[in-house]
Amino acid sequence: MTPFPSRRARARLTALAAALLVPAATLVPSAQAAEEPHPFEVFRNCPAAQMLAVADDASTSCVTAVVTGGTFVIGKGTVPVTADSVLSLGMASIDGKDKTFGVEGKVFTSGPMQVPGGLLGVPGLERILPGLTDVTATVELATTELPEVDILASIYGGEVVALPIKIRLKNALLGNRCSIGSNADPIVLHLTTDRAGSFEFVPVGESGSLIRATGGVVVDRSFAVPAATGCGVGGLLNGVVNARQGLPSPAGSNSAVLEQEAYLGGPASQVLAFQQG
C-alpha cells in the first residue's frame, strides 16, 4: 500500500512526546526478561522500510492495536470474541503532513470465531455435525484504504479508530462468499475508549521506545448492520442467515464491546533492525 495523508494530522514526534509527558508516577518501567519476547515483536508487520524510504527516521512510529476479547451483538445474535484481531500501521511526518503506511495484506488480521448456535441459532447445534451445523465468523477489513487511527486515544480517551469491516461466515452449506457487510456496504465501527486501562513506557535498546496500553475497552453502540449476501449457491441461504441474525439491523440495535491492547513505538530504523535481525 502506498501512503496517503491522514485526516487526523498529528506529527508523530509531538504525539510521542505528549504521551511521555504524563506524570512519572503513572509510568511503569518494564524490564525485559530473557524469556520474554522482544518488545518490538508487536511491530512485526509495521511498514518500517516503507517509512524510512520517504521520511526522516525521527518522525516515524509504529502503531499496533490488538482486540483480545469482548462481544459483538449483531441483530438477534451475540458472538463472543475468541480470536485476536490485529491492526498494524506506520505513521510519519513528511513535509509537515502526517502520512499513514501499511503492508498490503497485513494491515488487519483476524482469526475465525465460533458462532454460538451454529447455522440455525439453536444452542448446542453447532456441535452436532461439525462442518454442516457449525459456523465460523471472521472479521475482515472492508476497504482498500488505510483506517484512520488515533492510538493515543487509548490513553487519553476519544475515538481510537473508524474501522469499516465485513464479517465472513463459513460452513459447508454457506460456502466461502457469505458475508455480513461488504466493501460497498460495510459495517463501520467508530470505536471509542470506554476504559483506558493502564500503560507503561518501555525503553528499547539505545534509542528505541514503546508505549504499551493494556486492559482497555473500546465500544461502539451506534452502528448499523446490512443484510448478509453471498450465502449458499446463488445466495439461496441469504434469507436463512438474515432471519437467524435479524438482518438488516438498524443503528442502535447492535454493539461492539472490545477488550484491547495498544502499542506506539519506534523509530522505524530500530523496528526495521529488529525485523531483519
C-alpha atoms as a PDB file:
ATOM      1  CA  MET A   1       0.000   0.000   0.000  1.00  0.00           C
ATOM      2  CA  THR A   2       1.179   3.483  -0.728  1.00  0.00           C
ATOM      3  CA  PRO A   3       0.999   6.210   1.936  1.00  0.00           C
ATOM      4  CA  PHE A   4      -1.770   8.766   1.890  1.00  0.00           C
ATOM      5  CA  PRO A   5      -2.440  11.843   4.010  1.00  0.00           C
ATOM      6  CA  SER A   6      -4.235  11.111   7.279  1.00  0.00           C
ATOM      7  CA  ARG A   7      -7.241  13.231   8.077  1.00  0.00           C
ATOM      8  CA  ARG A   8      -6.035  13.278  11.664  1.00  0.00           C
ATOM      9  CA  ALA A   9      -2.931  15.344  11.053  1.00  0.00           C
ATOM     10  CA  ARG A  10      -0.623  14.969  14.050  1.00  0.00           C
ATOM     11  CA  ALA A  11       3.163  14.925  13.988  1.00  0.00           C
ATOM     12  CA  ARG A  12       4.361  11.631  15.424  1.00  0.00           C
ATOM     13  CA  LEU A  13       7.115  13.248  17.430  1.00  0.00           C
ATOM     14  CA  THR A  14       4.607  15.564  19.069  1.00  0.00           C
ATOM     15  CA  ALA A  15       2.298  12.665  19.821  1.00  0.00           C
ATOM     16  CA  LEU A  16       5.028  10.544  21.312  1.00  0.00           C
ATOM     17  CA  ALA A  17       6.354  13.445  23.348  1.00  0.00           C
ATOM     18  CA  ALA A  18       2.871  14.197  24.666  1.00  0.00           C
ATOM     19  CA  ALA A  19       2.493  10.616  25.787  1.00  0.00           C
ATOM     20  CA  LEU A  20       5.785  10.797  27.644  1.00  0.00           C
ATOM     21  CA  LEU A  21       4.781  13.971  29.475  1.00  0.00           C
ATOM     22  CA  VAL A  22       2.310  12.153  31.723  1.00  0.00           C
ATOM     23  CA  PRO A  23       3.149  12.180  35.439  1.00  0.00           C
ATOM     24  CA  ALA A  24       6.047   9.869  36.211  1.00  0.00           C
ATOM     25  CA  ALA A  25       4.006   8.021  38.852  1.00  0.00           C
ATOM     26  CA  THR A  26       1.688   6.697  36.152  1.00  0.00           C
ATOM     27  CA  LEU A  27       4.521   5.239  34.080  1.00  0.00           C
ATOM     28  CA  VAL A  28       5.601   1.728  34.982  1.00  0.00           C
ATOM     29  CA  PRO A  29       9.067   0.888  33.601  1.00  0.00           C
ATOM     30  CA  SER A  30       9.169  -2.613  32.201  1.00  0.00           C
ATOM     31  CA  ALA A  31      12.279  -4.768  32.324  1.00  0.00           C
ATOM     32  CA  GLN A  32      12.650  -7.279  29.517  1.00  0.00           C
ATOM     33  CA  ALA A  33      13.239 -10.729  30.961  1.00  0.00           C
ATOM     34  CA  ALA A  34      15.330 -13.181  28.971  1.00  0.00           C
ATOM     35  CA  GLU A  35      12.372 -15.448  28.259  1.00  0.00           C
ATOM     36  CA  GLU A  36      10.013 -12.648  27.202  1.00  0.00           C
ATOM     37  CA  PRO A  37       9.532 -11.751  23.525  1.00  0.00           C
ATOM     38  CA  HIS A  38      11.255  -8.657  22.205  1.00  0.00           C
ATOM     39  CA  PRO A  39       9.146  -5.518  22.864  1.00  0.00           C
ATOM     40  CA  PHE A  40       9.041  -4.809  19.119  1.00  0.00           C
ATOM     41  CA  GLU A  41       7.522  -8.228  18.355  1.00  0.00           C
ATOM     42  CA  VAL A  42       4.164  -6.416  18.231  1.00  0.00           C
ATOM     43  CA  PHE A  43       5.550  -4.415  15.289  1.00  0.00           C
ATOM     44  CA  ARG A  44       6.401  -7.443  13.168  1.00  0.00           C
ATOM     45  CA  ASN A  45       4.017  -6.127  10.448  1.00  0.00           C
ATOM     46  CA  CYS A  46       4.931  -2.451  10.801  1.00  0.00           C
ATOM     47  CA  PRO A  47       5.908  -0.894   7.428  1.00  0.00           C
ATOM     48  CA  ALA A  48       9.248   0.338   8.770  1.00  0.00           C
ATOM     49  CA  ALA A  49      11.115   0.057   5.450  1.00  0.00           C
ATOM     50  CA  GLN A  50       8.346   1.968   3.634  1.00  0.00           C
ATOM     51  CA  MET A  51       8.576   4.853   6.074  1.00  0.00           C
ATOM     52  CA  LEU A  52      12.374   5.062   6.007  1.00  0.00           C
ATOM     53  CA  ALA A  53      12.316   5.284   2.208  1.00  0.00           C
ATOM     54  CA  VAL A  54      10.427   8.596   2.268  1.00  0.00           C
ATOM     55  CA  ALA A  55      10.525  10.060   5.792  1.00  0.00           C
ATOM     56  CA  ASP A  56      13.021  11.201   8.388  1.00  0.00           C
ATOM     57  CA  ASP A  57      13.558   8.449  10.938  1.00  0.00           C
ATOM     58  CA  ALA A  58      12.911  10.786  13.862  1.00  0.00           C
ATOM     59  CA  SER A  59       9.346  11.436  12.656  1.00  0.00           C
ATOM     60  CA  THR A  60       8.351   7.777  12.345  1.00  0.00           C
ATOM     61  CA  SER A  61       6.443   5.488  14.668  1.00  0.00           C
ATOM     62  CA  CYS A  62       4.739   2.115  14.512  1.00  0.00           C
ATOM     63  CA  VAL A  63       1.200   1.517  15.742  1.00  0.00           C
ATOM     64  CA  THR A  64      -0.422  -1.784  16.669  1.00  0.00           C
ATOM     65  CA  ALA A  65      -3.887  -2.303  18.172  1.00  0.00           C
ATOM     66  CA  VAL A  66      -4.964  -5.783  19.275  1.00  0.00           C
ATOM     67  CA  VAL A  67      -8.525  -6.816  20.152  1.00  0.00           C
ATOM     68  CA  THR A  68      -8.154  -9.637  22.673  1.00  0.00           C
ATOM     69  CA  GLY A  69     -11.740 -10.290  23.787  1.00  0.00           C
ATOM     70  CA  GLY A  70     -15.225  -8.893  24.195  1.00  0.00           C
ATOM     71  CA  THR A  71     -18.540  -9.379  22.406  1.00  0.00           C
ATOM     72  CA  PHE A  72     -20.327  -8.432  19.206  1.00  0.00           C
ATOM     73  CA  VAL A  73     -24.112  -8.083  19.314  1.00  0.00           C
ATOM     74  CA  ILE A  74     -25.409  -8.094  15.749  1.00  0.00           C
ATOM     75  CA  GLY A  75     -29.158  -8.015  15.375  1.00  0.00           C
ATOM     76  CA  LYS A  76     -30.512 -11.002  17.321  1.00  0.00           C
ATOM     77  CA  GLY A  77     -27.155 -12.745  17.724  1.00  0.00           C
ATOM     78  CA  THR A  78     -24.254 -12.406  20.148  1.00  0.00           C
ATOM     79  CA  VAL A  79     -20.771 -13.589  19.210  1.00  0.00           C
ATOM     80  CA  PRO A  80     -18.039 -13.702  21.867  1.00  0.00           C
ATOM     81  CA  VAL A  81     -14.657 -12.541  20.599  1.00  0.00           C
ATOM     82  CA  THR A  82     -12.437 -15.608  20.901  1.00  0.00           C
ATOM     83  CA  ALA A  83      -9.752 -14.769  18.306  1.00  0.00           C
ATOM     84  CA  ASP A  84      -7.395 -11.805  18.250  1.00  0.00           C
ATOM     85  CA  SER A  85      -7.798  -9.086  15.636  1.00  0.00           C
ATOM     86  CA  VAL A  86      -4.657  -7.053  14.938  1.00  0.00           C
ATOM     87  CA  LEU A  87      -4.358  -3.651  13.237  1.00  0.00           C
ATOM     88  CA  SER A  88      -0.779  -2.765  12.177  1.00  0.00           C
ATOM     89  CA  LEU A  89       0.171   0.655  10.776  1.00  0.00           C
ATOM     90  CA  GLY A  90       3.054   3.073  10.475  1.00  0.00           C
ATOM     91  CA  MET A  91       2.915   6.855  10.787  1.00  0.00           C
ATOM     92  CA  ALA A  92       5.381   9.538   9.744  1.00  0.00           C
ATOM     93  CA  SER A  93       5.565  13.267   9.133  1.00  0.00           C
ATOM     94  CA  ILE A  94       6.540  14.246   5.571  1.00  0.00           C
ATOM     95  CA  ASP A  95       6.818  17.923   4.625  1.00  0.00           C
ATOM     96  CA  GLY A  96       4.811  18.810   7.715  1.00  0.00           C
ATOM     97  CA  LYS A  97       1.957  16.428   6.928  1.00  0.00           C
ATOM     98  CA  ASP A  98       1.051  13.200   8.660  1.00  0.00           C
ATOM     99  CA  LYS A  99       1.011  10.118   6.467  1.00  0.00           C
ATOM    100  CA  THR A 100      -0.137   6.604   7.265  1.00  0.00           C
ATOM    101  CA  PHE A 101       1.518   3.457   5.907  1.00  0.00           C
ATOM    102  CA  GLY A 102       0.615  -0.212   5.827  1.00  0.00           C
ATOM    103  CA  VAL A 103       1.931  -3.513   4.471  1.00  0.00           C
ATOM    104  CA  GLU A 104      -0.543  -4.893   1.956  1.00  0.00           C
ATOM    105  CA  GLY A 105      -2.300  -7.968   3.315  1.00  0.00           C
ATOM    106  CA  LYS A 106      -1.021  -7.338   6.846  1.00  0.00           C
ATOM    107  CA  VAL A 107      -2.817  -4.150   7.887  1.00  0.00           C
ATOM    108  CA  PHE A 108      -5.635  -6.102   9.550  1.00  0.00           C
ATOM    109  CA  THR A 109      -5.534  -9.770  10.521  1.00  0.00           C
ATOM    110  CA  SER A 110      -8.096 -11.805  12.450  1.00  0.00           C
ATOM    111  CA  GLY A 111      -8.855 -15.431  13.234  1.00  0.00           C
ATOM    112  CA  PRO A 112     -12.162 -17.328  12.913  1.00  0.00           C
ATOM    113  CA  MET A 113     -14.619 -17.398  15.832  1.00  0.00           C
ATOM    114  CA  GLN A 114     -17.344 -19.966  16.511  1.00  0.00           C
ATOM    115  CA  VAL A 115     -20.895 -18.621  16.217  1.00  0.00           C
ATOM    116  CA  PRO A 116     -22.983 -19.898  19.173  1.00  0.00           C
ATOM    117  CA  GLY A 117     -25.963 -21.913  17.970  1.00  0.00           C
ATOM    118  CA  GLY A 118     -24.474 -22.501  14.547  1.00  0.00           C
ATOM    119  CA  LEU A 119     -26.425 -22.018  11.338  1.00  0.00           C
ATOM    120  CA  LEU A 120     -29.911 -22.063  12.885  1.00  0.00           C
ATOM    121  CA  GLY A 121     -29.141 -20.367  16.197  1.00  0.00           C
ATOM    122  CA  VAL A 122     -30.074 -23.389  18.330  1.00  0.00           C
ATOM    123  CA  PRO A 123     -27.811 -23.746  21.395  1.00  0.00           C
ATOM    124  CA  GLY A 124     -25.591 -26.801  21.064  1.00  0.00           C
ATOM    125  CA  LEU A 125     -26.471 -27.363  17.402  1.00  0.00           C
ATOM    126  CA  GLU A 126     -23.004 -26.313  16.300  1.00  0.00           C
ATOM    127  CA  ARG A 127     -21.532 -29.417  17.948  1.00  0.00           C
ATOM    128  CA  ILE A 128     -23.804 -31.991  16.292  1.00  0.00           C
ATOM    129  CA  LEU A 129     -22.448 -32.081  12.726  1.00  0.00           C
ATOM    130  CA  PRO A 130     -19.176 -30.143  12.532  1.00  0.00           C
ATOM    131  CA  GLY A 131     -18.827 -28.514   9.132  1.00  0.00           C
ATOM    132  CA  LEU A 132     -22.573 -28.525   8.485  1.00  0.00           C
ATOM    133  CA  THR A 133     -24.277 -27.098  11.553  1.00  0.00           C
ATOM    134  CA  ASP A 134     -21.396 -25.050  12.979  1.00  0.00           C
ATOM    135  CA  VAL A 135     -20.499 -21.632  11.574  1.00  0.00           C
ATOM    136  CA  THR A 136     -17.330 -19.582  11.930  1.00  0.00           C
ATOM    137  CA  ALA A 137     -17.201 -15.793  11.718  1.00  0.00           C
ATOM    138  CA  THR A 138     -14.072 -13.884  10.718  1.00  0.00           C
ATOM    139  CA  VAL A 139     -13.790 -10.104  10.826  1.00  0.00           C
ATOM    140  CA  GLU A 140     -12.204  -8.648   7.683  1.00  0.00           C
ATOM    141  CA  LEU A 141     -11.299  -5.130   6.631  1.00  0.00           C
ATOM    142  CA  ALA A 142     -13.855  -3.773   4.138  1.00  0.00           C
ATOM    143  CA  THR A 143     -11.736  -1.107   2.461  1.00  0.00           C
ATOM    144  CA  THR A 144      -8.605  -0.822   0.361  1.00  0.00           C
ATOM    145  CA  GLU A 145      -7.649   2.392   2.162  1.00  0.00           C
ATOM    146  CA  LEU A 146      -5.824   2.559   5.450  1.00  0.00           C
ATOM    147  CA  PRO A 147      -8.039   3.102   8.516  1.00  0.00           C
ATOM    148  CA  GLU A 148      -7.923   6.341  10.462  1.00  0.00           C
ATOM    149  CA  VAL A 149      -6.383   5.683  13.854  1.00  0.00           C
ATOM    150  CA  ASP A 150      -5.507   7.736  16.933  1.00  0.00           C
ATOM    151  CA  ILE A 151      -3.671   5.313  19.175  1.00  0.00           C
ATOM    152  CA  LEU A 152      -3.193   7.920  21.917  1.00  0.00           C
ATOM    153  CA  ALA A 153      -6.968   7.936  22.389  1.00  0.00           C
ATOM    154  CA  SER A 154      -6.421   4.549  24.034  1.00  0.00           C
ATOM    155  CA  ILE A 155      -4.703   6.501  26.803  1.00  0.00           C
ATOM    156  CA  TYR A 156      -6.450   9.875  26.852  1.00  0.00           C
ATOM    157  CA  GLY A 157      -9.935   8.927  25.611  1.00  0.00           C
ATOM    158  CA  GLY A 158     -11.879   9.630  22.437  1.00  0.00           C
ATOM    159  CA  GLU A 159     -12.268   7.767  19.162  1.00  0.00           C
ATOM    160  CA  VAL A 160      -9.440   5.313  18.584  1.00  0.00           C
ATOM    161  CA  VAL A 161     -10.332   4.159  15.087  1.00  0.00           C
ATOM    162  CA  ALA A 162     -13.002   4.303  12.405  1.00  0.00           C
ATOM    163  CA  LEU A 163     -12.987   0.760  11.034  1.00  0.00           C
ATOM    164  CA  PRO A 164     -15.023  -0.424   8.017  1.00  0.00           C
ATOM    165  CA  ILE A 165     -15.459  -4.195   8.356  1.00  0.00           C
ATOM    166  CA  LYS A 166     -17.336  -7.166   6.976  1.00  0.00           C
ATOM    167  CA  ILE A 167     -17.927 -10.452   8.769  1.00  0.00           C
ATOM    168  CA  ARG A 168     -17.171 -13.574   6.753  1.00  0.00           C
ATOM    169  CA  LEU A 169     -19.394 -16.546   7.644  1.00  0.00           C
ATOM    170  CA  LYS A 170     -18.259 -20.033   6.680  1.00  0.00           C
ATOM    171  CA  ASN A 171     -19.510 -23.585   6.755  1.00  0.00           C
ATOM    172  CA  ALA A 172     -20.048 -26.315   4.164  1.00  0.00           C
ATOM    173  CA  LEU A 173     -23.502 -25.018   3.205  1.00  0.00           C
ATOM    174  CA  LEU A 174     -22.771 -21.296   3.245  1.00  0.00           C
ATOM    175  CA  GLY A 175     -19.615 -21.577   1.143  1.00  0.00           C
ATOM    176  CA  ASN A 176     -16.757 -19.078   1.183  1.00  0.00           C
ATOM    177  CA  ARG A 177     -18.515 -15.937  -0.075  1.00  0.00           C
ATOM    178  CA  CYS A 178     -21.139 -15.434   2.624  1.00  0.00           C
ATOM    179  CA  SER A 179     -20.640 -12.167   4.469  1.00  0.00           C
ATOM    180  CA  ILE A 180     -22.421  -9.600   6.567  1.00  0.00           C
ATOM    181  CA  GLY A 181     -21.290  -6.305   5.113  1.00  0.00           C
ATOM    182  CA  SER A 182     -19.126  -5.744   2.057  1.00  0.00           C
ATOM    183  CA  ASN A 183     -16.615  -3.274   0.660  1.00  0.00           C
ATOM    184  CA  ALA A 184     -19.527  -1.464  -0.989  1.00  0.00           C
ATOM    185  CA  ASP A 185     -21.771  -1.609   2.097  1.00  0.00           C
ATOM    186  CA  PRO A 186     -19.574  -2.131   5.173  1.00  0.00           C
ATOM    187  CA  ILE A 187     -20.256  -2.218   8.882  1.00  0.00           C
ATOM    188  CA  VAL A 188     -18.473   0.924  10.092  1.00  0.00           C
ATOM    189  CA  LEU A 189     -17.273   0.804  13.689  1.00  0.00           C
ATOM    190  CA  HIS A 190     -16.381   4.084  15.394  1.00  0.00           C
ATOM    191  CA  LEU A 191     -14.580   2.617  18.380  1.00  0.00           C
ATOM    192  CA  THR A 192     -14.149   4.998  21.307  1.00  0.00           C
ATOM    193  CA  THR A 193     -12.379   4.464  24.594  1.00  0.00           C
ATOM    194  CA  ASP A 194     -14.721   3.241  27.313  1.00  0.00           C
ATOM    195  CA  ARG A 195     -11.943   2.293  29.737  1.00  0.00           C
ATOM    196  CA  ALA A 196      -8.364   3.448  29.278  1.00  0.00           C
ATOM    197  CA  GLY A 197      -6.749   0.709  31.328  1.00  0.00           C
ATOM    198  CA  SER A 198      -3.093   1.020  32.328  1.00  0.00           C
ATOM    199  CA  PHE A 199       0.006   1.847  30.328  1.00  0.00           C
ATOM    200  CA  GLU A 200       3.757   1.731  30.595  1.00  0.00           C
ATOM    201  CA  PHE A 201       6.824   3.158  28.904  1.00  0.00           C
ATOM    202  CA  VAL A 202       9.380   0.603  27.728  1.00  0.00           C
ATOM    203  CA  PRO A 203      12.858   1.746  26.622  1.00  0.00           C
ATOM    204  CA  VAL A 204      14.168  -0.452  23.813  1.00  0.00           C
ATOM    205  CA  GLY A 205      17.909  -0.509  23.160  1.00  0.00           C
ATOM    206  CA  GLU A 206      19.793   2.772  23.000  1.00  0.00           C
ATOM    207  CA  SER A 207      17.309   4.854  21.016  1.00  0.00           C
ATOM    208  CA  GLY A 208      14.060   2.905  20.720  1.00  0.00           C
ATOM    209  CA  SER A 209      10.962   3.121  22.899  1.00  0.00           C
ATOM    210  CA  LEU A 210       7.496   1.679  23.253  1.00  0.00           C
ATOM    211  CA  ILE A 211       4.311   2.863  24.929  1.00  0.00           C
ATOM    212  CA  ARG A 212       2.073  -0.072  25.791  1.00  0.00           C
ATOM    213  CA  ALA A 213      -1.565   0.372  26.883  1.00  0.00           C
ATOM    214  CA  THR A 214      -3.288  -2.733  28.257  1.00  0.00           C
ATOM    215  CA  GLY A 215      -6.611  -3.550  29.872  1.00  0.00           C
ATOM    216  CA  GLY A 216      -8.509  -1.012  27.806  1.00  0.00           C
ATOM    217  CA  VAL A 217     -12.033  -1.345  26.427  1.00  0.00           C
ATOM    218  CA  VAL A 218     -13.344   0.299  23.248  1.00  0.00           C
ATOM    219  CA  VAL A 219     -17.024   0.409  22.325  1.00  0.00           C
ATOM    220  CA  ASP A 220     -19.492   1.326  19.610  1.00  0.00           C
ATOM    221  CA  ARG A 221     -23.234   1.002  20.202  1.00  0.00           C
ATOM    222  CA  SER A 222     -24.443   3.077  17.265  1.00  0.00           C
ATOM    223  CA  PHE A 223     -23.554   1.195  14.075  1.00  0.00           C
ATOM    224  CA  ALA A 224     -25.973  -0.321  11.574  1.00  0.00           C
ATOM    225  CA  VAL A 225     -25.573  -3.781  10.053  1.00  0.00           C
ATOM    226  CA  PRO A 226     -26.640  -4.606   6.468  1.00  0.00           C
ATOM    227  CA  ALA A 227     -28.165  -7.872   5.291  1.00  0.00           C
ATOM    228  CA  ALA A 228     -25.982 -10.878   4.547  1.00  0.00           C
ATOM    229  CA  THR A 229     -25.099 -11.645   0.933  1.00  0.00           C
ATOM    230  CA  GLY A 230     -23.428 -14.458  -0.981  1.00  0.00           C
ATOM    231  CA  CYS A 231     -24.637 -17.210   1.358  1.00  0.00           C
ATOM    232  CA  GLY A 232     -25.025 -20.603  -0.306  1.00  0.00           C
ATOM    233  CA  VAL A 233     -25.226 -21.351  -4.017  1.00  0.00           C
ATOM    234  CA  GLY A 234     -26.592 -18.281  -5.772  1.00  0.00           C
ATOM    235  CA  GLY A 235     -27.366 -16.666  -2.419  1.00  0.00           C
ATOM    236  CA  LEU A 236     -30.114 -19.190  -1.660  1.00  0.00           C
ATOM    237  CA  LEU A 237     -29.288 -19.122   2.064  1.00  0.00           C
ATOM    238  CA  ASN A 238     -29.212 -15.339   2.440  1.00  0.00           C
ATOM    239  CA  GLY A 239     -32.719 -15.450   3.900  1.00  0.00           C
ATOM    240  CA  VAL A 240     -31.767 -18.126   6.437  1.00  0.00           C
ATOM    241  CA  VAL A 241     -28.827 -16.094   7.718  1.00  0.00           C
ATOM    242  CA  ASN A 242     -30.790 -12.838   7.762  1.00  0.00           C
ATOM    243  CA  ALA A 243     -33.711 -14.416   9.640  1.00  0.00           C
ATOM    244  CA  ARG A 244     -31.370 -16.066  12.129  1.00  0.00           C
ATOM    245  CA  GLN A 245     -29.497 -12.797  12.828  1.00  0.00           C
ATOM    246  CA  GLY A 246     -32.344 -10.312  12.397  1.00  0.00           C
ATOM    247  CA  LEU A 247     -30.720  -8.510   9.472  1.00  0.00           C
ATOM    248  CA  PRO A 248     -30.571  -5.847   8.304  1.00  0.00           C
ATOM    249  CA  SER A 249     -30.303  -4.333  11.772  1.00  0.00           C
ATOM    250  CA  PRO A 250     -30.636  -0.557  12.281  1.00  0.00           C
ATOM    251  CA  ALA A 251     -28.280   1.683  14.212  1.00  0.00           C
ATOM    252  CA  GLY A 252     -28.792   1.360  17.946  1.00  0.00           C
ATOM    253  CA  SER A 253     -29.675  -2.337  17.809  1.00  0.00           C
ATOM    254  CA  ASN A 254     -26.083  -3.551  17.658  1.00  0.00           C
ATOM    255  CA  SER A 255     -22.981  -3.194  19.783  1.00  0.00           C
ATOM    256  CA  ALA A 256     -19.287  -3.954  19.940  1.00  0.00           C
ATOM    257  CA  VAL A 257     -17.599  -4.045  23.348  1.00  0.00           C
ATOM    258  CA  LEU A 258     -13.985  -4.981  22.751  1.00  0.00           C
ATOM    259  CA  GLU A 259     -11.034  -5.505  25.058  1.00  0.00           C
ATOM    260  CA  GLN A 260      -7.856  -4.140  23.541  1.00  0.00           C
ATOM    261  CA  GLU A 261      -4.145  -3.602  23.865  1.00  0.00           C
ATOM    262  CA  ALA A 262      -2.471  -0.718  22.021  1.00  0.00           C
ATOM    263  CA  TYR A 263       1.177  -0.046  21.190  1.00  0.00           C
ATOM    264  CA  LEU A 264       3.016   3.038  19.907  1.00  0.00           C
ATOM    265  CA  GLY A 265       6.767   2.888  19.357  1.00  0.00           C
ATOM    266  CA  GLY A 266       9.808   3.361  17.179  1.00  0.00           C
ATOM    267  CA  PRO A 267      11.670   4.857  15.498  1.00  0.00           C
ATOM    268  CA  ALA A 268      11.353   2.915  12.248  1.00  0.00           C
ATOM    269  CA  SER A 269      15.105   2.277  11.993  1.00  0.00           C
ATOM    270  CA  GLN A 270      15.070   0.382  15.286  1.00  0.00           C
ATOM    271  CA  VAL A 271      11.954  -1.577  14.330  1.00  0.00           C
ATOM    272  CA  LEU A 272      13.482  -2.471  10.951  1.00  0.00           C
ATOM    273  CA  ALA A 273      16.657  -3.676  12.650  1.00  0.00           C
ATOM    274  CA  PHE A 274      14.520  -5.977  14.801  1.00  0.00           C
ATOM    275  CA  GLN A 275      12.528  -7.196  11.782  1.00  0.00           C
ATOM    276  CA  GLN A 276      15.712  -8.029   9.889  1.00  0.00           C
ATOM    277  CA  GLY A 277      17.535  -9.471  12.883  1.00  0.00           C
END
